[in-house]
């Protein structure tokens, strides 16, 4: 009877560890997919229109905030791919040190910060493009460049999903690294 009680007590931590590991993998894959899709959507966003006989073109590369968005999400995607390999290595080890999860926490925190800063900068410029600013004299351009603006909105949405995934990963990694013994 004692041996079955001992087995029962050991199974929940192993099951919890497996669920934790699978959640890490799923969230990282989701962050990779959404940040890659956001990068591709923004990088392919361009449109040309003719207004009063003059041709105008909108591209992501005309805005430094949109360039930062593309490079920030692409970098986050690459870093998250690297962290996915690291999680696979940690998952294969029977006893993972909390210090290894601390490095994962720092990585997730920096990656999450990069994504939210790139998304915020691009969203600010996108807001001005959508609504303009009458006080400064900036006109809204999304009335003329609807296809371009719609692609950008999709890109922003995907990037914010990537941010949410990375935020959850940061919280999970922080929780896991709190077991560090000083």
C-alpha atoms as a PDB file:
ATOM      1  CA  UNK A   1       0.000   0.000   0.000  1.00  0.00           C
ATOM      2  CA  UNK A   2       2.883   2.382   0.734  1.00  0.00           C
ATOM      3  CA  UNK A   3       4.397   1.861  -2.723  1.00  0.00           C
ATOM      4  CA  UNK A   4       1.154   2.799  -4.503  1.00  0.00           C
ATOM      5  CA  UNK A   5       0.871   5.941  -2.349  1.00  0.00           C
ATOM      6  CA  UNK A   6       4.418   6.919  -3.295  1.00  0.00           C
ATOM      7  CA  UNK A   7       3.625   6.445  -6.990  1.00  0.00           C
ATOM      8  CA  UNK A   8       0.516   8.563  -6.658  1.00  0.00           C
ATOM      9  CA  UNK A   9       2.488  11.449  -5.155  1.00  0.00           C
ATOM     10  CA  UNK A  10       5.146  11.331  -7.901  1.00  0.00           C
ATOM     11  CA  UNK A  11       2.763  11.314 -10.863  1.00  0.00           C
ATOM     12  CA  UNK A  12       1.233  14.798 -10.440  1.00  0.00           C
ATOM     13  CA  UNK A  13       4.614  16.605 -10.579  1.00  0.00           C
ATOM     14  CA  UNK A  14       5.588  14.633 -13.702  1.00  0.00           C
ATOM     15  CA  UNK A  15       2.220  15.365 -15.284  1.00  0.00           C
ATOM     16  CA  UNK A  16       2.463  19.038 -14.342  1.00  0.00           C
ATOM     17  CA  UNK A  17       5.976  19.200 -15.739  1.00  0.00           C
ATOM     18  CA  UNK A  18       4.804  17.650 -19.004  1.00  0.00           C
ATOM     19  CA  UNK A  19       1.894  20.102 -19.276  1.00  0.00           C
ATOM     20  CA  UNK A  20       4.293  22.973 -18.544  1.00  0.00           C
ATOM     21  CA  UNK A  21       6.652  21.749 -21.257  1.00  0.00           C
ATOM     22  CA  UNK A  22       3.860  21.346 -23.837  1.00  0.00           C
ATOM     23  CA  UNK A  23       2.484  24.794 -22.984  1.00  0.00           C
ATOM     24  CA  UNK A  24       5.942  26.278 -23.534  1.00  0.00           C
ATOM     25  CA  UNK A  25       6.222  24.585 -26.929  1.00  0.00           C
ATOM     26  CA  UNK A  26       2.718  25.597 -28.034  1.00  0.00           C
ATOM     27  CA  UNK A  27       3.092  29.221 -26.945  1.00  0.00           C
ATOM     28  CA  UNK A  28       6.491  29.523 -28.601  1.00  0.00           C
ATOM     29  CA  UNK A  29       5.167  28.060 -31.850  1.00  0.00           C
ATOM     30  CA  UNK A  30       2.235  30.467 -31.679  1.00  0.00           C
ATOM     31  CA  UNK A  31       4.586  33.419 -31.079  1.00  0.00           C
ATOM     32  CA  UNK A  32       6.792  32.319 -33.979  1.00  0.00           C
ATOM     33  CA  UNK A  33       3.833  31.998 -36.320  1.00  0.00           C
ATOM     34  CA  UNK A  34       2.195  35.287 -35.409  1.00  0.00           C
ATOM     35  CA  UNK A  35       5.399  37.330 -35.463  1.00  0.00           C
ATOM     36  CA  UNK A  36       6.430  35.798 -38.802  1.00  0.00           C
ATOM     37  CA  UNK A  37       2.972  36.441 -40.259  1.00  0.00           C
ATOM     38  CA  UNK A  38       3.037  40.022 -38.938  1.00  0.00           C
ATOM     39  CA  UNK A  39       6.436  40.560 -40.537  1.00  0.00           C
ATOM     40  CA  UNK A  40       5.309  39.166 -43.887  1.00  0.00           C
ATOM     41  CA  UNK A  41       2.043  41.120 -43.870  1.00  0.00           C
ATOM     42  CA  UNK A  42       3.803  44.402 -43.148  1.00  0.00           C
ATOM     43  CA  UNK A  43       6.662  43.766 -45.587  1.00  0.00           C
ATOM     44  CA  UNK A  44       4.209  43.027 -48.394  1.00  0.00           C
ATOM     45  CA  UNK A  45       1.987  46.033 -47.660  1.00  0.00           C
ATOM     46  CA  UNK A  46       2.121  48.431 -50.587  1.00  0.00           C
ATOM     47  CA  UNK A  47      -0.386  50.211 -52.750  1.00  0.00           C
ATOM     48  CA  UNK A  48      -0.351  52.735 -55.567  1.00  0.00           C
ATOM     49  CA  UNK A  49      -3.194  55.161 -56.260  1.00  0.00           C
ATOM     50  CA  UNK A  50      -3.748  57.935 -58.762  1.00  0.00           C
ATOM     51  CA  UNK A  51      -5.211  61.125 -57.339  1.00  0.00           C
ATOM     52  CA  UNK A  52      -5.941  64.007 -59.741  1.00  0.00           C
ATOM     53  CA  UNK A  53      -3.639  62.495 -62.351  1.00  0.00           C
ATOM     54  CA  UNK A  54      -0.706  62.092 -59.943  1.00  0.00           C
ATOM     55  CA  UNK A  55       0.459  58.654 -58.846  1.00  0.00           C
ATOM     56  CA  UNK A  56       1.103  58.099 -55.143  1.00  0.00           C
ATOM     57  CA  UNK A  57       2.559  55.015 -53.522  1.00  0.00           C
ATOM     58  CA  UNK A  58       2.433  53.743 -49.942  1.00  0.00           C
ATOM     59  CA  UNK A  59       5.003  51.238 -48.673  1.00  0.00           C
ATOM     60  CA  UNK A  60       6.072  50.123 -45.241  1.00  0.00           C
ATOM     61  CA  UNK A  61       9.646  51.182 -46.019  1.00  0.00           C
ATOM     62  CA  UNK A  62       8.613  54.863 -46.173  1.00  0.00           C
ATOM     63  CA  UNK A  63       8.202  54.933 -42.393  1.00  0.00           C
ATOM     64  CA  UNK A  64      10.999  54.285 -39.932  1.00  0.00           C
ATOM     65  CA  UNK A  65       8.451  53.040 -37.372  1.00  0.00           C
ATOM     66  CA  UNK A  66       7.159  50.451 -39.850  1.00  0.00           C
ATOM     67  CA  UNK A  67      10.741  49.375 -40.633  1.00  0.00           C
ATOM     68  CA  UNK A  68      11.375  48.976 -36.902  1.00  0.00           C
ATOM     69  CA  UNK A  69       8.166  46.937 -36.713  1.00  0.00           C
ATOM     70  CA  UNK A  70       9.339  44.571 -39.459  1.00  0.00           C
ATOM     71  CA  UNK A  71      12.845  44.127 -38.069  1.00  0.00           C
ATOM     72  CA  UNK A  72      11.615  43.876 -34.473  1.00  0.00           C
ATOM     73  CA  UNK A  73       9.102  41.141 -35.292  1.00  0.00           C
ATOM     74  CA  UNK A  74      11.585  39.297 -37.509  1.00  0.00           C
ATOM     75  CA  UNK A  75      14.194  39.394 -34.731  1.00  0.00           C
ATOM     76  CA  UNK A  76      11.627  38.221 -32.188  1.00  0.00           C
ATOM     77  CA  UNK A  77      10.672  35.364 -34.489  1.00  0.00           C
ATOM     78  CA  UNK A  78      14.305  34.283 -34.831  1.00  0.00           C
ATOM     79  CA  UNK A  79      14.975  34.563 -31.108  1.00  0.00           C
ATOM     80  CA  UNK A  80      11.851  32.592 -30.290  1.00  0.00           C
ATOM     81  CA  UNK A  81      12.959  29.834 -32.674  1.00  0.00           C
ATOM     82  CA  UNK A  82      16.245  29.657 -30.764  1.00  0.00           C
ATOM     83  CA  UNK A  83      14.408  29.538 -27.451  1.00  0.00           C
ATOM     84  CA  UNK A  84      12.223  26.718 -28.782  1.00  0.00           C
ATOM     85  CA  UNK A  85      15.348  24.613 -29.290  1.00  0.00           C
ATOM     86  CA  UNK A  86      16.451  25.532 -25.762  1.00  0.00           C
ATOM     87  CA  UNK A  87      13.077  24.407 -24.387  1.00  0.00           C
ATOM     88  CA  UNK A  88      13.439  21.090 -26.214  1.00  0.00           C
ATOM     89  CA  UNK A  89      16.827  20.598 -24.540  1.00  0.00           C
ATOM     90  CA  UNK A  90      15.393  21.484 -21.123  1.00  0.00           C
ATOM     91  CA  UNK A  91      12.479  19.110 -21.685  1.00  0.00           C
ATOM     92  CA  UNK A  92      14.753  16.167 -22.358  1.00  0.00           C
ATOM     93  CA  UNK A  93      16.585  16.630 -19.083  1.00  0.00           C
ATOM     94  CA  UNK A  94      15.055  14.879 -16.114  1.00  0.00           C
ATOM     95  CA  UNK A  95      15.949  17.573 -13.603  1.00  0.00           C
ATOM     96  CA  UNK A  96      16.249  21.080 -15.006  1.00  0.00           C
ATOM     97  CA  UNK A  97      17.929  23.685 -12.882  1.00  0.00           C
ATOM     98  CA  UNK A  98      15.887  26.815 -12.093  1.00  0.00           C
ATOM     99  CA  UNK A  99      18.923  28.843 -13.227  1.00  0.00           C
ATOM    100  CA  UNK A 100      18.346  27.565 -16.762  1.00  0.00           C
ATOM    101  CA  UNK A 101      14.798  28.861 -16.570  1.00  0.00           C
ATOM    102  CA  UNK A 102      16.113  32.201 -15.354  1.00  0.00           C
ATOM    103  CA  UNK A 103      18.025  32.600 -18.618  1.00  0.00           C
ATOM    104  CA  UNK A 104      14.858  31.662 -20.470  1.00  0.00           C
ATOM    105  CA  UNK A 105      12.967  34.284 -18.441  1.00  0.00           C
ATOM    106  CA  UNK A 106      15.478  37.000 -19.386  1.00  0.00           C
ATOM    107  CA  UNK A 107      15.275  35.934 -23.030  1.00  0.00           C
ATOM    108  CA  UNK A 108      11.468  35.989 -23.016  1.00  0.00           C
ATOM    109  CA  UNK A 109      11.398  39.358 -21.276  1.00  0.00           C
ATOM    110  CA  UNK A 110      13.742  40.985 -23.800  1.00  0.00           C
ATOM    111  CA  UNK A 111      11.893  39.446 -26.751  1.00  0.00           C
ATOM    112  CA  UNK A 112       8.519  40.527 -25.378  1.00  0.00           C
ATOM    113  CA  UNK A 113       9.850  44.060 -24.841  1.00  0.00           C
ATOM    114  CA  UNK A 114      11.121  44.203 -28.408  1.00  0.00           C
ATOM    115  CA  UNK A 115       7.765  43.123 -29.841  1.00  0.00           C
ATOM    116  CA  UNK A 116       5.709  45.558 -27.770  1.00  0.00           C
ATOM    117  CA  UNK A 117       8.008  48.496 -28.485  1.00  0.00           C
ATOM    118  CA  UNK A 118       7.973  47.798 -32.231  1.00  0.00           C
ATOM    119  CA  UNK A 119       4.205  47.318 -32.200  1.00  0.00           C
ATOM    120  CA  UNK A 120       3.620  50.486 -30.188  1.00  0.00           C
ATOM    121  CA  UNK A 121       5.768  52.646 -32.442  1.00  0.00           C
ATOM    122  CA  UNK A 122       4.091  51.327 -35.572  1.00  0.00           C
ATOM    123  CA  UNK A 123       0.622  51.634 -34.049  1.00  0.00           C
ATOM    124  CA  UNK A 124       1.230  55.305 -33.282  1.00  0.00           C
ATOM    125  CA  UNK A 125       2.180  55.980 -36.892  1.00  0.00           C
ATOM    126  CA  UNK A 126      -0.715  53.835 -38.106  1.00  0.00           C
ATOM    127  CA  UNK A 127      -3.142  55.818 -35.965  1.00  0.00           C
ATOM    128  CA  UNK A 128      -1.975  59.048 -37.551  1.00  0.00           C
ATOM    129  CA  UNK A 129      -2.291  57.448 -40.985  1.00  0.00           C
ATOM    130  CA  UNK A 130      -5.846  56.355 -40.215  1.00  0.00           C
ATOM    131  CA  UNK A 131      -7.162  59.487 -38.491  1.00  0.00           C
ATOM    132  CA  UNK A 132      -4.600  62.190 -39.280  1.00  0.00           C
ATOM    133  CA  UNK A 133      -3.901  65.114 -36.962  1.00  0.00           C
ATOM    134  CA  UNK A 134      -5.731  68.333 -37.798  1.00  0.00           C
ATOM    135  CA  UNK A 135      -3.750  70.392 -35.290  1.00  0.00           C
ATOM    136  CA  UNK A 136      -0.484  69.699 -37.070  1.00  0.00           C
ATOM    137  CA  UNK A 137      -1.926  69.517 -40.565  1.00  0.00           C
ATOM    138  CA  UNK A 138      -1.407  65.811 -41.216  1.00  0.00           C
ATOM    139  CA  UNK A 139      -4.168  64.371 -43.346  1.00  0.00           C
ATOM    140  CA  UNK A 140      -5.534  60.858 -42.971  1.00  0.00           C
ATOM    141  CA  UNK A 141      -4.294  58.645 -45.803  1.00  0.00           C
ATOM    142  CA  UNK A 142      -6.264  55.464 -45.205  1.00  0.00           C
ATOM    143  CA  UNK A 143      -9.213  56.872 -47.154  1.00  0.00           C
ATOM    144  CA  UNK A 144      -7.039  56.688 -50.268  1.00  0.00           C
ATOM    145  CA  UNK A 145      -4.875  53.688 -49.360  1.00  0.00           C
ATOM    146  CA  UNK A 146      -7.480  51.259 -47.984  1.00  0.00           C
ATOM    147  CA  UNK A 147      -5.749  48.033 -49.055  1.00  0.00           C
ATOM    148  CA  UNK A 148      -2.455  49.194 -47.572  1.00  0.00           C
ATOM    149  CA  UNK A 149      -4.062  50.196 -44.270  1.00  0.00           C
ATOM    150  CA  UNK A 150      -6.028  46.959 -43.993  1.00  0.00           C
ATOM    151  CA  UNK A 151      -2.840  44.915 -44.360  1.00  0.00           C
ATOM    152  CA  UNK A 152      -1.193  47.012 -41.693  1.00  0.00           C
ATOM    153  CA  UNK A 153      -4.109  46.481 -39.296  1.00  0.00           C
ATOM    154  CA  UNK A 154      -3.831  42.719 -39.823  1.00  0.00           C
ATOM    155  CA  UNK A 155      -0.100  42.944 -39.186  1.00  0.00           C
ATOM    156  CA  UNK A 156      -0.628  44.916 -35.957  1.00  0.00           C
ATOM    157  CA  UNK A 157      -3.208  42.409 -34.733  1.00  0.00           C
ATOM    158  CA  UNK A 158      -0.872  39.472 -35.351  1.00  0.00           C
ATOM    159  CA  UNK A 159       1.968  41.267 -33.614  1.00  0.00           C
ATOM    160  CA  UNK A 160      -0.160  41.944 -30.538  1.00  0.00           C
ATOM    161  CA  UNK A 161      -1.089  38.249 -30.417  1.00  0.00           C
ATOM    162  CA  UNK A 162       2.630  37.496 -30.515  1.00  0.00           C
ATOM    163  CA  UNK A 163       3.140  39.942 -27.654  1.00  0.00           C
ATOM    164  CA  UNK A 164       0.433  38.254 -25.564  1.00  0.00           C
ATOM    165  CA  UNK A 165       1.986  34.862 -26.163  1.00  0.00           C
ATOM    166  CA  UNK A 166       5.421  36.153 -25.185  1.00  0.00           C
ATOM    167  CA  UNK A 167       3.971  37.834 -22.094  1.00  0.00           C
ATOM    168  CA  UNK A 168       2.449  34.533 -20.951  1.00  0.00           C
ATOM    169  CA  UNK A 169       5.783  32.818 -21.630  1.00  0.00           C
ATOM    170  CA  UNK A 170       7.572  35.474 -19.577  1.00  0.00           C
ATOM    171  CA  UNK A 171       5.218  34.892 -16.659  1.00  0.00           C
ATOM    172  CA  UNK A 172       5.630  31.122 -16.927  1.00  0.00           C
ATOM    173  CA  UNK A 173       9.421  31.395 -17.103  1.00  0.00           C
ATOM    174  CA  UNK A 174       9.473  33.818 -14.170  1.00  0.00           C
ATOM    175  CA  UNK A 175       7.386  31.442 -12.096  1.00  0.00           C
ATOM    176  CA  UNK A 176       9.644  28.545 -12.977  1.00  0.00           C
ATOM    177  CA  UNK A 177      12.826  30.489 -12.209  1.00  0.00           C
ATOM    178  CA  UNK A 178      11.657  31.564  -8.733  1.00  0.00           C
ATOM    179  CA  UNK A 179      12.885  28.268  -7.379  1.00  0.00           C
ATOM    180  CA  UNK A 180      16.497  29.500  -7.590  1.00  0.00           C
ATOM    181  CA  UNK A 181      18.410  28.927  -4.358  1.00  0.00           C
ATOM    182  CA  UNK A 182      20.891  31.710  -3.627  1.00  0.00           C
END
